[in-house]
Amino acid sequence: MHLAKAVGVPSVIIYGGWISPHRSGYDNNINLFTSLPCSPCGFTNHCDYDRECMKQITPETVAKAVQEVLMR
């Protein structure tokens, strides 16, 4: 993400629910984040909710975001 920003290449970043893109995201990226009552949680390994924030970011959502970035 940071290297892509350094060279001006937009990216698709999967945040899930660990950290909000408002903290580290770049405007030229598509930042995929799931806003749930438990997110952002800051946990890297432990999850009381079976990683629901990641499950809601489907492969189809990622593919659509990648296509959008490639069309820019």
Protein backbone atom coordinates (compact mmCIF):
# COMPACT_ATOMS: atom_id res chain seq x y z
CA MET A 1 0.00 0.00 0.00
CA HIS A 2 2.68 2.49 0.98
CA LEU A 3 4.99 1.55 -1.88
CA ALA A 4 2.15 1.84 -4.38
CA LYS A 5 1.35 5.29 -3.01
CA ALA A 6 5.01 6.29 -3.27
CA VAL A 7 5.03 5.53 -6.99
CA GLY A 8 1.51 6.84 -7.65
CA VAL A 9 -0.21 3.52 -8.32
CA PRO A 10 -3.76 3.15 -6.97
CA SER A 11 -4.44 -0.08 -5.09
CA VAL A 12 -7.17 -2.20 -3.60
CA ILE A 13 -6.54 -2.57 0.12
CA ILE A 14 -8.39 -5.14 2.22
CA TYR A 15 -8.71 -3.72 5.69
CA GLY A 16 -11.39 -6.02 7.08
CA GLY A 17 -12.10 -4.67 10.52
CA TRP A 18 -8.71 -4.57 12.21
CA ILE A 19 -7.95 -0.92 11.53
CA SER A 20 -9.97 1.83 9.90
CA PRO A 21 -8.79 3.21 6.57
CA HIS A 22 -9.31 6.64 8.13
CA ARG A 23 -6.09 5.95 10.07
CA SER A 24 -3.81 4.69 7.32
CA GLY A 25 -5.70 4.69 4.03
CA TYR A 26 -4.93 6.76 0.97
CA ASP A 27 -7.63 8.52 -1.02
CA ASN A 28 -6.44 7.15 -4.36
CA ASN A 29 -6.96 3.54 -3.16
CA ILE A 30 -10.12 1.54 -2.87
CA ASN A 31 -10.11 0.69 0.81
CA LEU A 32 -12.32 -2.28 1.66
CA PHE A 33 -13.46 -2.01 5.26
CA THR A 34 -16.39 -3.59 7.06
CA SER A 35 -17.97 -1.35 9.63
CA LEU A 36 -19.39 -3.51 12.40
CA PRO A 37 -20.01 -2.72 16.08
CA CYS A 38 -16.79 -4.58 16.90
CA SER A 39 -14.62 -2.85 14.30
CA PRO A 40 -12.04 -1.52 14.19
CA CYS A 41 -10.88 -3.92 16.87
CA GLY A 42 -7.08 -3.80 16.61
CA PHE A 43 -6.78 -7.56 17.12
CA THR A 44 -4.42 -9.31 14.68
CA ASN A 45 -5.12 -12.91 15.69
CA HIS A 46 -7.99 -13.08 18.15
CA CYS A 47 -11.62 -12.55 17.08
CA ASP A 48 -14.74 -13.12 19.16
CA TYR A 49 -16.94 -12.85 16.05
CA ASP A 50 -15.44 -15.47 13.73
CA ARG A 51 -13.81 -12.78 11.56
CA GLU A 52 -17.17 -11.57 10.27
CA CYS A 53 -15.59 -8.34 9.03
CA MET A 54 -13.38 -10.31 6.65
CA LYS A 55 -16.15 -12.70 5.57
CA GLN A 56 -18.23 -9.74 4.43
CA ILE A 57 -15.53 -8.74 1.95
CA THR A 58 -16.28 -11.29 -0.72
CA PRO A 59 -14.04 -12.34 -3.62
CA GLU A 60 -16.60 -10.69 -5.91
CA THR A 61 -16.23 -7.41 -4.02
CA VAL A 62 -12.45 -7.56 -4.35
CA ALA A 63 -12.64 -8.45 -8.07
CA LYS A 64 -15.02 -5.54 -8.72
CA ALA A 65 -12.68 -3.15 -6.88
CA VAL A 66 -9.67 -4.40 -8.86
CA GLN A 67 -11.56 -3.90 -12.12
CA GLU A 68 -12.47 -0.38 -11.03
CA VAL A 69 -8.84 0.47 -10.28
CA LEU A 70 -7.70 -0.96 -13.61
CA MET A 71 -10.23 1.20 -15.47
CA ARG A 72 -8.82 4.43 -14.03
